[in-house]
PDB file of N, CA and C in Angstrom:
ATOM      1  N   MET A   1     175.087 175.644  94.815  1.00  0.00           N
ATOM      2  CA  MET A   1     174.220 175.655  93.672  1.00  0.00           C
ATOM      3  C   MET A   1     175.047 175.672  92.387  1.00  0.00           C
ATOM      4  N   VAL A   2     176.123 176.423  92.362  1.00  0.00           N
ATOM      5  CA  VAL A   2     176.955 176.506  91.158  1.00  0.00           C
ATOM      6  C   VAL A   2     177.570 175.148  90.834  1.00  0.00           C
ATOM      7  N   LEU A   3     177.956 174.402  91.853  1.00  0.00           N
ATOM      8  CA  LEU A   3     178.592 173.097  91.637  1.00  0.00           C
ATOM      9  C   LEU A   3     177.652 172.094  90.981  1.00  0.00           C
ATOM     10  N   GLN A   4     176.346 172.264  91.138  1.00  0.00           N
ATOM     11  CA  GLN A   4     175.387 171.351  90.520  1.00  0.00           C
ATOM     12  C   GLN A   4     175.484 171.356  88.996  1.00  0.00           C
ATOM     13  N   GLY A   5     175.958 172.443  88.429  1.00  0.00           N
ATOM     14  CA  GLY A   5     176.035 172.549  86.978  1.00  0.00           C
ATOM     15  C   GLY A   5     177.296 171.970  86.369  1.00  0.00           C
ATOM     16  N   ILE A   6     178.172 171.366  87.181  1.00  0.00           N
ATOM     17  CA  ILE A   6     179.434 170.821  86.686  1.00  0.00           C
ATOM     18  C   ILE A   6     179.309 169.310  86.576  1.00  0.00           C
ATOM     19  N   ASP A   7     179.550 168.772  85.391  1.00  0.00           N
ATOM     20  CA  ASP A   7     179.318 167.350  85.122  1.00  0.00           C
ATOM     21  C   ASP A   7     180.111 166.409  86.022  1.00  0.00           C
ATOM     22  N   HIS A   8     181.361 166.720  86.327  1.00  0.00           N
ATOM     23  CA  HIS A   8     182.203 165.778  87.061  1.00  0.00           C
ATOM     24  C   HIS A   8     182.171 166.006  88.579  1.00  0.00           C
ATOM     25  N   VAL A   9     181.167 166.722  89.077  1.00  0.00           N
ATOM     26  CA  VAL A   9     181.028 166.977  90.514  1.00  0.00           C
ATOM     27  C   VAL A   9     179.882 166.146  91.055  1.00  0.00           C
ATOM     28  N   THR A  10     180.116 165.465  92.172  1.00  0.00           N
ATOM     29  CA  THR A  10     179.076 164.720  92.877  1.00  0.00           C
ATOM     30  C   THR A  10     178.874 165.383  94.224  1.00  0.00           C
ATOM     31  N   LEU A  11     177.658 165.842  94.481  1.00  0.00           N
ATOM     32  CA  LEU A  11     177.343 166.497  95.745  1.00  0.00           C
ATOM     33  C   LEU A  11     176.948 165.458  96.776  1.00  0.00           C
ATOM     34  N   VAL A  12     177.587 165.506  97.933  1.00  0.00           N
ATOM     35  CA  VAL A  12     177.354 164.557  99.018  1.00  0.00           C
ATOM     36  C   VAL A  12     176.932 165.348 100.244  1.00  0.00           C
ATOM     37  N   GLY A  13     175.877 164.908 100.909  1.00  0.00           N
ATOM     38  CA  GLY A  13     175.439 165.575 102.132  1.00  0.00           C
ATOM     39  C   GLY A  13     173.936 165.605 102.217  1.00  0.00           C
ATOM     40  N   GLY A  14     173.420 166.622 102.885  1.00  0.00           N
ATOM     41  CA  GLY A  14     171.981 166.747 103.076  1.00  0.00           C
ATOM     42  C   GLY A  14     171.409 167.880 102.246  1.00  0.00           C
ATOM     43  N   GLU A  15     170.107 167.799 102.035  1.00  0.00           N
ATOM     44  CA  GLU A  15     169.398 168.846 101.304  1.00  0.00           C
ATOM     45  C   GLU A  15     169.506 170.172 102.028  1.00  0.00           C
ATOM     46  N   THR A  16     169.610 171.241 101.271  1.00  0.00           N
ATOM     47  CA  THR A  16     169.469 172.570 101.861  1.00  0.00           C
ATOM     48  C   THR A  16     168.002 172.951 101.732  1.00  0.00           C
ATOM     49  N   LYS A  17     167.626 174.034 102.312  1.00  0.00           N
ATOM     50  CA  LYS A  17     166.209 174.415 102.293  1.00  0.00           C
ATOM     51  C   LYS A  17     165.893 175.554 101.340  1.00  0.00           C
ATOM     52  N   GLY A  18     166.889 176.018 100.603  1.00  0.00           N
ATOM     53  CA  GLY A  18     166.613 176.984  99.559  1.00  0.00           C
ATOM     54  C   GLY A  18     166.333 178.392 100.033  1.00  0.00           C
ATOM     55  N   THR A  19     166.975 178.796 101.099  1.00  0.00           N
ATOM     56  CA  THR A  19     166.833 180.179 101.523  1.00  0.00           C
ATOM     57  C   THR A  19     167.937 181.009 100.886  1.00  0.00           C
ATOM     58  N   THR A  20     167.627 182.234 100.583  1.00  0.00           N
ATOM     59  CA  THR A  20     168.584 183.080  99.880  1.00  0.00           C
ATOM     60  C   THR A  20     169.486 183.851 100.826  1.00  0.00           C
ATOM     61  N   GLY A  21     169.140 183.916 102.087  1.00  0.00           N
ATOM     62  CA  GLY A  21     169.920 184.690 103.037  1.00  0.00           C
ATOM     63  C   GLY A  21     169.584 186.169 102.998  1.00  0.00           C
ATOM     64  N   ASN A  22     168.708 186.562 102.095  1.00  0.00           N
ATOM     65  CA  ASN A  22     168.293 187.951 101.967  1.00  0.00           C
ATOM     66  C   ASN A  22     167.044 188.151 102.826  1.00  0.00           C
ATOM     67  N   VAL A  23     167.233 188.456 104.104  1.00  0.00           N
ATOM     68  CA  VAL A  23     166.124 188.538 105.054  1.00  0.00           C
ATOM     69  C   VAL A  23     165.660 189.977 105.211  1.00  0.00           C
ATOM     70  N   THR A  24     164.355 190.169 105.104  1.00  0.00           N
ATOM     71  CA  THR A  24     163.736 191.464 105.378  1.00  0.00           C
ATOM     72  C   THR A  24     163.143 191.394 106.773  1.00  0.00           C
ATOM     73  N   ARG A  25     163.427 192.410 107.577  1.00  0.00           N
ATOM     74  CA  ARG A  25     162.938 192.453 108.949  1.00  0.00           C
ATOM     75  C   ARG A  25     162.038 193.666 109.117  1.00  0.00           C
ATOM     76  N   ILE A  26     160.861 193.454 109.693  1.00  0.00           N
ATOM     77  CA  ILE A  26     159.915 194.542 109.930  1.00  0.00           C
ATOM     78  C   ILE A  26     159.512 194.513 111.400  1.00  0.00           C
ATOM     79  N   LEU A  27     159.628 195.652 112.052  1.00  0.00           N
ATOM     80  CA  LEU A  27     159.152 195.786 113.432  1.00  0.00           C
ATOM     81  C   LEU A  27     157.659 196.095 113.390  1.00  0.00           C
ATOM     82  N   LEU A  28     156.900 195.341 114.157  1.00  0.00           N
ATOM     83  CA  LEU A  28     155.455 195.491 114.170  1.00  0.00           C
ATOM     84  C   LEU A  28     155.004 196.258 115.412  1.00  0.00           C
ATOM     85  N   PRO A  29     153.845 196.865 115.355  1.00  0.00           N
ATOM     86  CA  PRO A  29     153.320 197.546 116.535  1.00  0.00           C
ATOM     87  C   PRO A  29     153.204 196.565 117.708  1.00  0.00           C
ATOM     88  N   GLY A  30     153.463 197.048 118.902  1.00  0.00           N
ATOM     89  CA  GLY A  30     153.376 196.190 120.083  1.00  0.00           C
ATOM     90  C   GLY A  30     154.640 195.393 120.335  1.00  0.00           C
ATOM     91  N   GLY A  31     155.701 195.659 119.577  1.00  0.00           N
ATOM     92  CA  GLY A  31     156.974 194.980 119.800  1.00  0.00           C
ATOM     93  C   GLY A  31     157.174 193.706 118.996  1.00  0.00           C
ATOM     94  N   GLY A  32     156.230 193.358 118.149  1.00  0.00           N
ATOM     95  CA  GLY A  32     156.381 192.154 117.340  1.00  0.00           C
ATOM     96  C   GLY A  32     157.374 192.364 116.208  1.00  0.00           C
ATOM     97  N   ARG A  33     157.816 191.282 115.640  1.00  0.00           N
ATOM     98  CA  ARG A  33     158.758 191.330 114.524  1.00  0.00           C
ATOM     99  C   ARG A  33     158.327 190.347 113.449  1.00  0.00           C
ATOM    100  N   LEU A  34     158.558 190.721 112.213  1.00  0.00           N
ATOM    101  CA  LEU A  34     158.268 189.861 111.077  1.00  0.00           C
ATOM    102  C   LEU A  34     159.546 189.730 110.259  1.00  0.00           C
ATOM    103  N   HIS A  35     159.966 188.510 109.999  1.00  0.00           N
ATOM    104  CA  HIS A  35     161.167 188.244 109.206  1.00  0.00           C
ATOM    105  C   HIS A  35     160.755 187.348 108.034  1.00  0.00           C
ATOM    106  N   PHE A  36     161.197 187.699 106.834  1.00  0.00           N
ATOM    107  CA  PHE A  36     160.904 186.852 105.679  1.00  0.00           C
ATOM    108  C   PHE A  36     161.953 187.076 104.602  1.00  0.00           C
ATOM    109  N   THR A  37     162.081 186.094 103.721  1.00  0.00           N
ATOM    110  CA  THR A  37     162.949 186.246 102.561  1.00  0.00           C
ATOM    111  C   THR A  37     162.050 186.545 101.371  1.00  0.00           C
ATOM    112  N   GLY A  38     162.413 187.540 100.624  1.00  0.00           N
ATOM    113  CA  GLY A  38     161.558 187.945  99.522  1.00  0.00           C
ATOM    114  C   GLY A  38     162.261 188.008  98.185  1.00  0.00           C
ATOM    115  N   LYS A  39     163.469 187.526  98.127  1.00  0.00           N
ATOM    116  CA  LYS A  39     164.235 187.571  96.883  1.00  0.00           C
ATOM    117  C   LYS A  39     163.990 186.283  96.103  1.00  0.00           C
ATOM    118  N   ARG A  40     163.628 186.415  94.852  1.00  0.00           N
ATOM    119  CA  ARG A  40     163.390 185.244  94.010  1.00  0.00           C
ATOM    120  C   ARG A  40     164.716 184.808  93.394  1.00  0.00           C
ATOM    121  N   VAL A  41     165.077 183.550  93.605  1.00  0.00           N
ATOM    122  CA  VAL A  41     166.331 183.008  93.088  1.00  0.00           C
ATOM    123  C   VAL A  41     166.007 181.747  92.293  1.00  0.00           C
ATOM    124  N   TYR A  42     166.697 181.577  91.181  1.00  0.00           N
ATOM    125  CA  TYR A  42     166.496 180.395  90.338  1.00  0.00           C
ATOM    126  C   TYR A  42     167.774 179.581  90.271  1.00  0.00           C
ATOM    127  N   SER A  43     167.631 178.285  90.114  1.00  0.00           N
ATOM    128  CA  SER A  43     168.767 177.397  89.899  1.00  0.00           C
ATOM    129  C   SER A  43     169.333 177.660  88.503  1.00  0.00           C
ATOM    130  N   LEU A  44     170.480 177.085  88.226  1.00  0.00           N
ATOM    131  CA  LEU A  44     171.131 177.309  86.929  1.00  0.00           C
ATOM    132  C   LEU A  44     170.267 176.873  85.749  1.00  0.00           C
ATOM    133  N   ASP A  45     169.430 175.865  85.960  1.00  0.00           N
ATOM    134  CA  ASP A  45     168.571 175.389  84.875  1.00  0.00           C
ATOM    135  C   ASP A  45     167.269 176.187  84.767  1.00  0.00           C
ATOM    136  N   GLY A  46     167.117 177.230  85.588  1.00  0.00           N
ATOM    137  CA  GLY A  46     165.922 178.069  85.545  1.00  0.00           C
ATOM    138  C   GLY A  46     164.809 177.619  86.464  1.00  0.00           C
ATOM    139  N   SER A  47     164.993 176.489  87.145  1.00  0.00           N
ATOM    140  CA  SER A  47     163.959 176.004  88.054  1.00  0.00           C
ATOM    141  C   SER A  47     163.993 176.787  89.366  1.00  0.00           C
ATOM    142  N   ARG A  48     162.944 176.655  90.117  1.00  0.00           N
ATOM    143  CA  ARG A  48     162.795 177.359  91.393  1.00  0.00           C
ATOM    144  C   ARG A  48     163.834 176.889  92.395  1.00  0.00           C
ATOM    145  N   PHE A  49     164.467 177.820  93.112  1.00  0.00           N
ATOM    146  CA  PHE A  49     165.424 177.491  94.166  1.00  0.00           C
ATOM    147  C   PHE A  49     164.822 177.727  95.549  1.00  0.00           C
ATOM    148  N   GLN A  50     164.043 178.796  95.674  1.00  0.00           N
ATOM    149  CA  GLN A  50     163.451 179.161  96.965  1.00  0.00           C
ATOM    150  C   GLN A  50     162.595 178.018  97.497  1.00  0.00           C
ATOM    151  N   ASN A  51     162.852 177.606  98.726  1.00  0.00           N
ATOM    152  CA  ASN A  51     162.154 176.511  99.414  1.00  0.00           C
ATOM    153  C   ASN A  51     162.410 175.134  98.801  1.00  0.00           C
ATOM    154  N   VAL A  52     163.323 175.046  97.845  1.00  0.00           N
ATOM    155  CA  VAL A  52     163.728 173.756  97.277  1.00  0.00           C
ATOM    156  C   VAL A  52     165.176 173.484  97.654  1.00  0.00           C
ATOM    157  N   GLY A  53     166.070 174.403  97.289  1.00  0.00           N
ATOM    158  CA  GLY A  53     167.473 174.302  97.673  1.00  0.00           C
ATOM    159  C   GLY A  53     168.281 173.368  96.811  1.00  0.00           C
ATOM    160  N   VAL A  54     169.408 172.966  97.361  1.00  0.00           N
ATOM    161  CA  VAL A  54     170.331 172.059  96.684  1.00  0.00           C
ATOM    162  C   VAL A  54     170.010 170.640  97.120  1.00  0.00           C
ATOM    163  N   ILE A  55     169.792 169.778  96.167  1.00  0.00           N
ATOM    164  CA  ILE A  55     169.517 168.367  96.457  1.00  0.00           C
ATOM    165  C   ILE A  55     170.765 167.586  96.077  1.00  0.00           C
ATOM    166  N   PRO A  56     171.405 166.923  97.054  1.00  0.00           N
ATOM    167  CA  PRO A  56     172.662 166.232  96.761  1.00  0.00           C
ATOM    168  C   PRO A  56     172.449 165.000  95.882  1.00  0.00           C
ATOM    169  N   ASP A  57     173.521 164.600  95.211  1.00  0.00           N
ATOM    170  CA  ASP A  57     173.486 163.365  94.427  1.00  0.00           C
ATOM    171  C   ASP A  57     173.491 162.154  95.354  1.00  0.00           C
ATOM    172  N   VAL A  58     174.249 162.253  96.443  1.00  0.00           N
ATOM    173  CA  VAL A  58     174.331 161.192  97.454  1.00  0.00           C
ATOM    174  C   VAL A  58     173.893 161.813  98.775  1.00  0.00           C
ATOM    175  N   GLU A  59     172.725 161.401  99.260  1.00  0.00           N
ATOM    176  CA  GLU A  59     172.181 161.987 100.480  1.00  0.00           C
ATOM    177  C   GLU A  59     172.680 161.201 101.697  1.00  0.00           C
ATOM    178  N   VAL A  60     173.354 161.905 102.594  1.00  0.00           N
ATOM    179  CA  VAL A  60     173.857 161.285 103.820  1.00  0.00           C
ATOM    180  C   VAL A  60     173.876 162.345 104.912  1.00  0.00           C
ATOM    181  N   TYR A  61     173.527 161.926 106.121  1.00  0.00           N
ATOM    182  CA  TYR A  61     173.466 162.837 107.262  1.00  0.00           C
ATOM    183  C   TYR A  61     174.286 162.278 108.412  1.00  0.00           C
ATOM    184  N   PRO A  62     174.767 163.136 109.286  1.00  0.00           N
ATOM    185  CA  PRO A  62     175.443 162.639 110.486  1.00  0.00           C
ATOM    186  C   PRO A  62     174.451 161.849 111.342  1.00  0.00           C
ATOM    187  N   THR A  63     174.937 160.843 112.028  1.00  0.00           N
ATOM    188  CA  THR A  63     174.108 160.086 112.961  1.00  0.00           C
ATOM    189  C   THR A  63     174.583 160.355 114.383  1.00  0.00           C
ATOM    190  N   PHE A  64     173.719 160.098 115.320  1.00  0.00           N
ATOM    191  CA  PHE A  64     174.075 160.268 116.723  1.00  0.00           C
ATOM    192  C   PHE A  64     175.256 159.367 117.081  1.00  0.00           C
ATOM    193  N   GLU A  65     175.220 158.135 116.591  1.00  0.00           N
ATOM    194  CA  GLU A  65     176.299 157.192 116.885  1.00  0.00           C
ATOM    195  C   GLU A  65     177.632 157.685 116.318  1.00  0.00           C
ATOM    196  N   GLY A  66     177.589 158.196 115.103  1.00  0.00           N
ATOM    197  CA  GLY A  66     178.805 158.704 114.475  1.00  0.00           C
ATOM    198  C   GLY A  66     179.365 159.907 115.219  1.00  0.00           C
ATOM    199  N   LEU A  67     178.501 160.836 115.580  1.00  0.00           N
ATOM    200  CA  LEU A  67     178.941 162.016 116.334  1.00  0.00           C
ATOM    201  C   LEU A  67     179.534 161.614 117.674  1.00  0.00           C
ATOM    202  N   LYS A  68     178.885 160.678 118.336  1.00  0.00           N
ATOM    203  CA  LYS A  68     179.360 160.188 119.637  1.00  0.00           C
ATOM    204  C   LYS A  68     180.744 159.546 119.518  1.00  0.00           C
ATOM    205  N   ALA A  69     181.003 158.891 118.382  1.00  0.00           N
ATOM    206  CA  ALA A  69     182.288 158.228 118.140  1.00  0.00           C
ATOM    207  C   ALA A  69     183.325 159.180 117.540  1.00  0.00           C
ATOM    208  N   GLY A  70     182.937 160.449 117.311  1.00  0.00           N
ATOM    209  CA  GLY A  70     183.877 161.406 116.748  1.00  0.00           C
ATOM    210  C   GLY A  70     184.065 161.257 115.245  1.00  0.00           C
ATOM    211  N   ARG A  71     183.106 160.647 114.576  1.00  0.00           N
ATOM    212  CA  ARG A  71     183.217 160.431 113.144  1.00  0.00           C
ATOM    213  C   ARG A  71     182.419 161.491 112.367  1.00  0.00           C
ATOM    214  N   ASP A  72     182.793 161.693 111.131  1.00  0.00           N
ATOM    215  CA  ASP A  72     182.060 162.579 110.234  1.00  0.00           C
ATOM    216  C   ASP A  72     181.619 161.741 109.041  1.00  0.00           C
ATOM    217  N   GLU A  73     180.431 161.191 109.122  1.00  0.00           N
ATOM    218  CA  GLU A  73     179.933 160.266 108.096  1.00  0.00           C
ATOM    219  C   GLU A  73     179.750 160.932 106.734  1.00  0.00           C
ATOM    220  N   VAL A  74     179.435 162.219 106.741  1.00  0.00           N
ATOM    221  CA  VAL A  74     179.294 162.940 105.473  1.00  0.00           C
ATOM    222  C   VAL A  74     180.645 163.026 104.777  1.00  0.00           C
ATOM    223  N   LEU A  75     181.673 163.415 105.522  1.00  0.00           N
ATOM    224  CA  LEU A  75     183.021 163.500 104.963  1.00  0.00           C
ATOM    225  C   LEU A  75     183.520 162.117 104.535  1.00  0.00           C
ATOM    226  N   GLU A  76     183.281 161.115 105.348  1.00  0.00           N
ATOM    227  CA  GLU A  76     183.697 159.745 105.011  1.00  0.00           C
ATOM    228  C   GLU A  76     183.045 159.274 103.711  1.00  0.00           C
ATOM    229  N   THR A  77     181.777 159.577 103.543  1.00  0.00           N
ATOM    230  CA  THR A  77     181.061 159.174 102.320  1.00  0.00           C
ATOM    231  C   THR A  77     181.629 159.895 101.101  1.00  0.00           C
ATOM    232  N   GLY A  78     181.938 161.189 101.292  1.00  0.00           N
ATOM    233  CA  GLY A  78     182.518 161.966 100.187  1.00  0.00           C
ATOM    234  C   GLY A  78     183.849 161.424  99.784  1.00  0.00           C
TER     235      GLY A  78
END
């Protein structure tokens, strides 16, 4: 997220999902469990980060063919 605010940086890869990693866990009656993130985080420009995440400038994902061939298409694109 910090790198998005730097003019000469180009982000390459896939979108993140905007989770903060701050997980609250609650044990429920009967053995159930509830897990959720409850921390509000904003991007550097003040926009919402939660459930949005980092959106790359160049979107590229590994492919099955690339993985099978031992290639890293994300790294190659970068």
